[in-house]
Amino acid sequence: MRILIAGCGYVGSKLAQQLHDQNHEIFGLRRNTAKLPQGIHPVGADLNDPATLTALPEAIDYVCYAASANGYGAEAYRAAYVTGLQNLLEALKGQSPRHLFFTSSTGVYTQNAGEWVDESSPAAADRPTAQALRDGEDLVHNASIPGTVVRFSGIYGPGRTRLIDQVADGTARLERNGTRYLNHIHRDDCAGVLAHLMTLENPQSLYLATDSKPRTRNAFLTWIAETLGVPTPPFADEDPSNSRPSERGGNRRYRNDRLLESGYTFQYPTYREGYGALIASRAQEPHT
């Protein structure tokens, strides 16, 4: 198959590598093509500049739109998830890919009392950044190409070890309430999910992609400390001079039943396997 990955960055590059290893012909679109994995056909372009999208590869079978926002504000999100997608769809006119896959986020949900959330749950998108994601999703669902939206929960993996680093250096803090849930998915499973969905004859229009074990933030930080062999983080109000604000995010638990029922098998089914591998890798790194 000939597959175009638009926004071939953290997740897209791993997907490109995986699909290339499966003997597919992969085209990686990004501004800096020097960062593409070996063997990927470079497509040097800017999704926000239509003039750079005039020479896309032809006869594309699948398109994966995996762009990410270059910043945290509404403008950056609209550029990545709305304007960039509009430009790509316009540039693809005249081609007939079998399917379009769009990487979105569980940030479109607003439930905040520990509820279980799945694809049927309301996604109110109460922030401008979340609304940009929903607008991008709508573009996919209304496009002439059949499309699937994949909402990923918090992505972690190589190079994304902030919580491990905070526990290791003693700056992590437990929350006094201690009931807020975290949901994660490893970068390699993000790529694995997208590659898997491309093998389905009729993928559904929406999948929630997250691992199989939501956990409270306090339980997660405590487990990291135990695995690292360092003291459990103190509560935030025990040492006001060093306390850190809580990470942004709601309080909900995501179900991945639809994804599992589609036949996907997680490489890292819970945080224990995924973060455990990162911690083991960290232990092997040379210390200066």
Protein backbone atom coordinates (compact mmCIF):
# COMPACT_ATOMS: atom_id res chain seq x y z
CA MET A 1 0.00 0.00 0.00
CA ARG A 2 1.00 3.61 -0.53
CA ILE A 3 0.40 5.59 2.64
CA LEU A 4 0.75 9.32 3.27
CA ILE A 5 1.42 10.37 6.86
CA ALA A 6 0.81 14.10 7.18
CA GLY A 7 2.49 15.49 10.26
CA CYS A 8 5.13 12.77 10.52
CA GLY A 9 6.39 13.65 14.00
CA TYR A 10 6.43 11.87 17.37
CA VAL A 11 3.62 9.40 16.62
CA GLY A 12 3.69 9.66 12.83
CA SER A 13 7.35 8.73 12.54
CA LYS A 14 6.86 5.61 14.64
CA LEU A 15 3.86 4.67 12.49
CA ALA A 16 5.89 5.30 9.34
CA GLN A 17 8.68 3.05 10.58
CA GLN A 18 6.26 0.28 11.54
CA LEU A 19 4.42 0.37 8.21
CA HIS A 20 7.70 0.52 6.27
CA ASP A 21 8.88 -2.59 8.11
CA GLN A 22 5.66 -4.25 6.89
CA ASN A 23 6.77 -3.50 3.30
CA HIS A 24 4.36 -0.64 2.63
CA GLU A 25 5.48 2.42 0.67
CA ILE A 26 5.38 5.35 3.08
CA PHE A 27 5.44 9.08 2.38
CA GLY A 28 6.20 11.30 5.37
CA LEU A 29 5.01 14.90 5.15
CA ARG A 30 6.66 17.42 7.45
CA ARG A 31 8.55 20.70 7.27
CA ASN A 32 11.91 19.19 8.28
CA THR A 33 12.22 15.94 6.37
CA ALA A 34 15.72 15.29 7.75
CA LYS A 35 14.02 13.94 10.87
CA LEU A 36 12.12 11.21 9.00
CA PRO A 37 13.02 7.56 9.67
CA GLN A 38 15.23 5.83 7.14
CA GLY A 39 13.42 4.48 4.11
CA ILE A 40 10.50 6.93 4.26
CA HIS A 41 9.87 9.00 1.14
CA PRO A 42 10.21 12.66 2.17
CA VAL A 43 7.47 15.16 1.37
CA GLY A 44 8.74 18.56 2.42
CA ALA A 45 5.67 20.71 2.99
CA ASP A 46 3.87 22.97 5.46
CA LEU A 47 0.25 22.01 6.06
CA ASN A 48 -0.55 25.67 6.66
CA ASP A 49 0.91 26.76 3.32
CA PRO A 50 -1.19 25.44 0.42
CA ALA A 51 1.52 26.41 -2.07
CA THR A 52 3.76 23.68 -0.63
CA LEU A 53 1.09 20.98 -1.08
CA THR A 54 0.89 21.06 -4.86
CA ALA A 55 3.15 18.04 -5.48
CA LEU A 56 1.73 15.35 -3.23
CA PRO A 57 2.44 11.72 -4.18
CA GLU A 58 -0.19 10.15 -6.40
CA ALA A 59 -2.24 6.96 -6.05
CA ILE A 60 -2.31 7.14 -2.26
CA ASP A 61 -4.24 4.29 -0.61
CA TYR A 62 -4.43 5.63 2.95
CA VAL A 63 -3.91 9.01 4.55
CA CYS A 64 -3.08 9.46 8.22
CA TYR A 65 -3.34 13.02 9.50
CA ALA A 66 -1.11 13.04 12.59
CA ALA A 67 -0.21 16.71 12.89
CA SER A 68 0.16 18.24 16.34
CA ALA A 69 -0.25 21.82 17.50
CA ASN A 70 2.85 24.01 17.64
CA GLY A 71 1.78 25.52 20.95
CA TYR A 72 -1.04 25.35 23.49
CA GLY A 73 -3.34 28.18 22.41
CA ALA A 74 -6.49 28.14 20.32
CA GLU A 75 -4.74 29.66 17.30
CA ALA A 76 -2.10 26.93 17.24
CA TYR A 77 -4.75 24.24 17.57
CA ARG A 78 -6.87 25.63 14.77
CA ALA A 79 -3.82 25.85 12.53
CA ALA A 80 -2.92 22.21 13.18
CA TYR A 81 -6.29 20.49 13.35
CA VAL A 82 -8.53 22.62 11.13
CA THR A 83 -6.65 24.80 8.64
CA GLY A 84 -3.94 22.22 7.95
CA LEU A 85 -6.51 19.48 7.40
CA GLN A 86 -8.59 21.71 5.11
CA ASN A 87 -5.50 22.46 3.04
CA LEU A 88 -4.56 18.78 2.76
CA LEU A 89 -8.06 17.71 1.75
CA GLU A 90 -8.09 20.40 -0.93
CA ALA A 91 -4.69 19.25 -2.19
CA LEU A 92 -5.92 15.64 -2.36
CA LYS A 93 -8.82 16.48 -4.67
CA GLY A 94 -8.59 14.28 -7.72
CA GLN A 95 -7.31 11.35 -5.70
CA SER A 96 -9.45 8.65 -4.10
CA PRO A 97 -7.73 7.25 -1.01
CA ARG A 98 -9.53 4.33 0.61
CA HIS A 99 -9.58 5.96 4.04
CA LEU A 100 -8.48 8.95 6.09
CA PHE A 101 -7.36 8.58 9.72
CA PHE A 102 -7.25 11.64 11.99
CA THR A 103 -5.44 11.73 15.34
CA SER A 104 -7.52 13.67 17.87
CA SER A 105 -7.52 13.82 21.66
CA THR A 106 -9.64 12.82 24.64
CA GLY A 107 -9.33 16.49 25.59
CA VAL A 108 -12.68 16.98 23.83
CA TYR A 109 -14.41 15.38 26.83
CA THR A 110 -15.45 17.46 29.84
CA GLN A 111 -16.64 14.85 32.37
CA ASN A 112 -15.00 15.65 35.69
CA ALA A 113 -16.27 13.33 38.43
CA GLY A 114 -14.40 10.11 37.69
CA GLU A 115 -16.99 8.89 35.18
CA TRP A 116 -16.31 6.13 32.69
CA VAL A 117 -16.20 7.58 29.17
CA ASP A 118 -16.39 5.87 25.78
CA GLU A 119 -17.19 6.73 22.17
CA SER A 120 -20.88 7.24 22.97
CA SER A 121 -20.20 9.80 25.73
CA PRO A 122 -20.85 13.51 25.08
CA ALA A 123 -17.78 15.46 24.00
CA ALA A 124 -18.74 19.01 24.89
CA ALA A 125 -15.37 20.60 24.01
CA ASP A 126 -15.73 23.48 26.44
CA ARG A 127 -12.37 25.11 25.64
CA PRO A 128 -11.27 26.78 22.37
CA THR A 129 -8.49 24.22 21.90
CA ALA A 130 -10.94 21.35 22.34
CA GLN A 131 -13.40 23.00 19.95
CA ALA A 132 -10.65 23.14 17.32
CA LEU A 133 -10.23 19.40 17.71
CA ARG A 134 -13.97 18.85 17.31
CA ASP A 135 -14.01 21.07 14.23
CA GLY A 136 -11.23 18.97 12.74
CA GLU A 137 -13.17 15.81 13.56
CA ASP A 138 -16.21 17.25 11.78
CA LEU A 139 -14.09 17.90 8.69
CA VAL A 140 -13.11 14.23 8.67
CA HIS A 141 -16.68 13.00 9.06
CA ASN A 142 -17.90 15.32 6.28
CA ALA A 143 -15.06 14.68 3.85
CA SER A 144 -15.53 12.87 0.54
CA ILE A 145 -12.93 10.32 1.71
CA PRO A 146 -14.22 7.77 4.26
CA GLY A 147 -12.74 8.76 7.60
CA THR A 148 -11.97 7.61 11.12
CA VAL A 149 -11.17 9.76 14.14
CA VAL A 150 -8.92 8.29 16.84
CA ARG A 151 -9.03 10.11 20.19
CA PHE A 152 -5.82 9.39 22.09
CA SER A 153 -5.48 9.86 25.83
CA GLY A 154 -2.23 11.17 27.34
CA ILE A 155 0.64 10.04 25.11
CA TYR A 156 3.91 9.03 26.77
CA GLY A 157 7.00 7.17 25.66
CA PRO A 158 10.66 7.80 24.84
CA GLY A 159 11.45 11.45 25.53
CA ARG A 160 8.17 12.02 27.39
CA THR A 161 9.01 11.07 30.95
CA ARG A 162 8.02 14.20 32.87
CA LEU A 163 6.24 12.42 35.71
CA ILE A 164 9.09 9.96 36.17
CA ASP A 165 11.56 12.85 36.23
CA GLN A 166 9.51 14.76 38.81
CA VAL A 167 9.30 11.76 41.15
CA ALA A 168 13.02 11.06 40.69
CA ASP A 169 14.12 14.62 41.44
CA GLY A 170 11.74 15.07 44.36
CA THR A 171 9.55 17.77 42.85
CA ALA A 172 6.41 15.64 42.37
CA ARG A 173 3.55 16.25 44.81
CA LEU A 174 0.54 14.15 45.70
CA GLU A 175 -2.88 15.77 45.67
CA ARG A 176 -4.65 16.01 49.02
CA ASN A 177 -7.97 14.88 47.53
CA GLY A 178 -6.30 12.01 45.70
CA THR A 179 -9.24 10.99 43.52
CA ARG A 180 -8.22 12.39 40.11
CA TYR A 181 -7.69 9.76 37.43
CA LEU A 182 -4.99 9.67 34.76
CA ASN A 183 -5.28 7.87 31.43
CA HIS A 184 -2.32 7.16 29.17
CA ILE A 185 -1.24 5.36 26.02
CA HIS A 186 2.32 4.58 24.94
CA ARG A 187 3.60 6.17 21.73
CA ASP A 188 4.27 2.73 20.24
CA ASP A 189 0.64 1.72 20.85
CA CYS A 190 -0.54 4.94 19.21
CA ALA A 191 1.31 3.84 16.08
CA GLY A 192 0.13 0.27 16.54
CA VAL A 193 -3.52 1.33 16.79
CA LEU A 194 -3.35 3.35 13.57
CA ALA A 195 -1.58 0.55 11.70
CA HIS A 196 -4.14 -1.95 12.98
CA LEU A 197 -7.12 0.16 11.92
CA MET A 198 -5.71 0.31 8.40
CA THR A 199 -6.08 -3.48 8.21
CA LEU A 200 -9.83 -3.40 8.95
CA GLU A 201 -12.20 -3.68 6.03
CA ASN A 202 -14.68 -1.20 7.52
CA PRO A 203 -13.24 0.69 10.48
CA GLN A 204 -15.75 2.62 12.54
CA SER A 205 -15.86 6.41 12.42
CA LEU A 206 -14.56 6.89 15.99
CA TYR A 207 -12.23 5.05 18.36
CA LEU A 208 -11.04 5.98 21.82
CA ALA A 209 -7.41 4.86 22.16
CA THR A 210 -6.13 4.48 25.70
CA ASP A 211 -4.53 1.71 27.72
CA SER A 212 -6.53 -0.68 29.89
CA LYS A 213 -5.88 0.66 33.37
CA PRO A 214 -6.87 4.19 34.42
CA ARG A 215 -5.44 5.00 37.87
CA THR A 216 -5.51 7.87 40.28
CA ARG A 217 -2.66 10.30 39.97
CA ASN A 218 -1.60 9.66 43.56
CA ALA A 219 -1.51 5.89 43.07
CA PHE A 220 0.48 6.36 39.87
CA LEU A 221 3.10 8.63 41.45
CA THR A 222 3.38 6.28 44.42
CA TRP A 223 3.96 3.34 42.08
CA ILE A 224 6.65 5.27 40.19
CA ALA A 225 8.42 6.06 43.47
CA GLU A 226 8.30 2.41 44.55
CA THR A 227 9.61 1.27 41.15
CA LEU A 228 12.43 3.83 41.22
CA GLY A 229 13.22 3.03 44.85
CA VAL A 230 12.84 6.65 45.99
CA PRO A 231 10.64 8.19 48.73
CA THR A 232 6.95 8.58 48.04
CA PRO A 233 6.21 12.20 47.06
CA PRO A 234 4.77 14.35 49.87
CA PHE A 235 1.40 16.04 49.63
CA ALA A 236 1.46 19.41 47.92
CA ASP A 237 0.48 21.37 51.05
CA GLU A 238 3.08 19.72 53.29
CA ASP A 239 5.86 21.88 51.89
CA PRO A 240 4.33 25.11 50.54
CA SER A 241 7.69 26.53 49.48
CA ASN A 242 8.22 23.70 47.01
CA SER A 243 4.65 22.85 46.02
CA ARG A 244 3.76 22.64 42.36
CA PRO A 245 0.41 23.35 40.75
CA SER A 246 -1.52 20.29 39.66
CA GLU A 247 -1.36 19.31 36.01
CA ARG A 248 -4.22 20.49 33.88
CA GLY A 249 -6.87 17.96 32.99
CA GLY A 250 -10.20 16.57 33.98
CA ASN A 251 -11.13 13.58 36.09
CA ARG A 252 -12.52 10.68 34.08
CA ARG A 253 -11.76 7.10 33.08
CA TYR A 254 -11.65 6.03 29.46
CA ARG A 255 -12.83 2.71 28.07
CA ASN A 256 -11.07 1.04 25.15
CA ASP A 257 -13.63 -1.74 24.57
CA ARG A 258 -14.34 -0.78 20.95
CA LEU A 259 -10.65 -0.87 20.10
CA LEU A 260 -10.11 -4.23 21.81
CA GLU A 261 -13.19 -5.68 20.11
CA SER A 262 -11.71 -4.64 16.76
CA GLY A 263 -8.86 -7.07 17.42
CA TYR A 264 -6.11 -4.74 18.62
CA THR A 265 -3.59 -6.16 21.11
CA PHE A 266 -1.69 -3.62 23.19
CA GLN A 267 2.08 -3.77 23.36
CA TYR A 268 1.80 -1.94 26.68
CA PRO A 269 -1.67 -2.80 28.04
CA THR A 270 -1.20 -0.82 31.27
CA TYR A 271 1.10 1.80 32.73
CA ARG A 272 3.03 -0.92 34.56
CA GLU A 273 4.41 -2.36 31.33
CA GLY A 274 4.90 0.95 29.54
CA TYR A 275 6.30 3.09 32.32
CA GLY A 276 8.13 0.06 33.68
CA ALA A 277 10.03 -0.20 30.40
CA LEU A 278 10.88 3.52 30.50
CA ILE A 279 12.13 3.25 34.08
CA ALA A 280 14.22 0.18 33.20
CA SER A 281 15.70 2.06 30.25
CA ARG A 282 16.44 5.03 32.49
CA ALA A 283 18.31 2.79 34.94
CA GLN A 284 20.61 1.66 32.13
CA GLU A 285 21.53 5.18 31.04
CA PRO A 286 25.03 6.37 31.97
CA HIS A 287 25.07 8.93 34.79
CA THR A 288 27.36 11.93 34.70
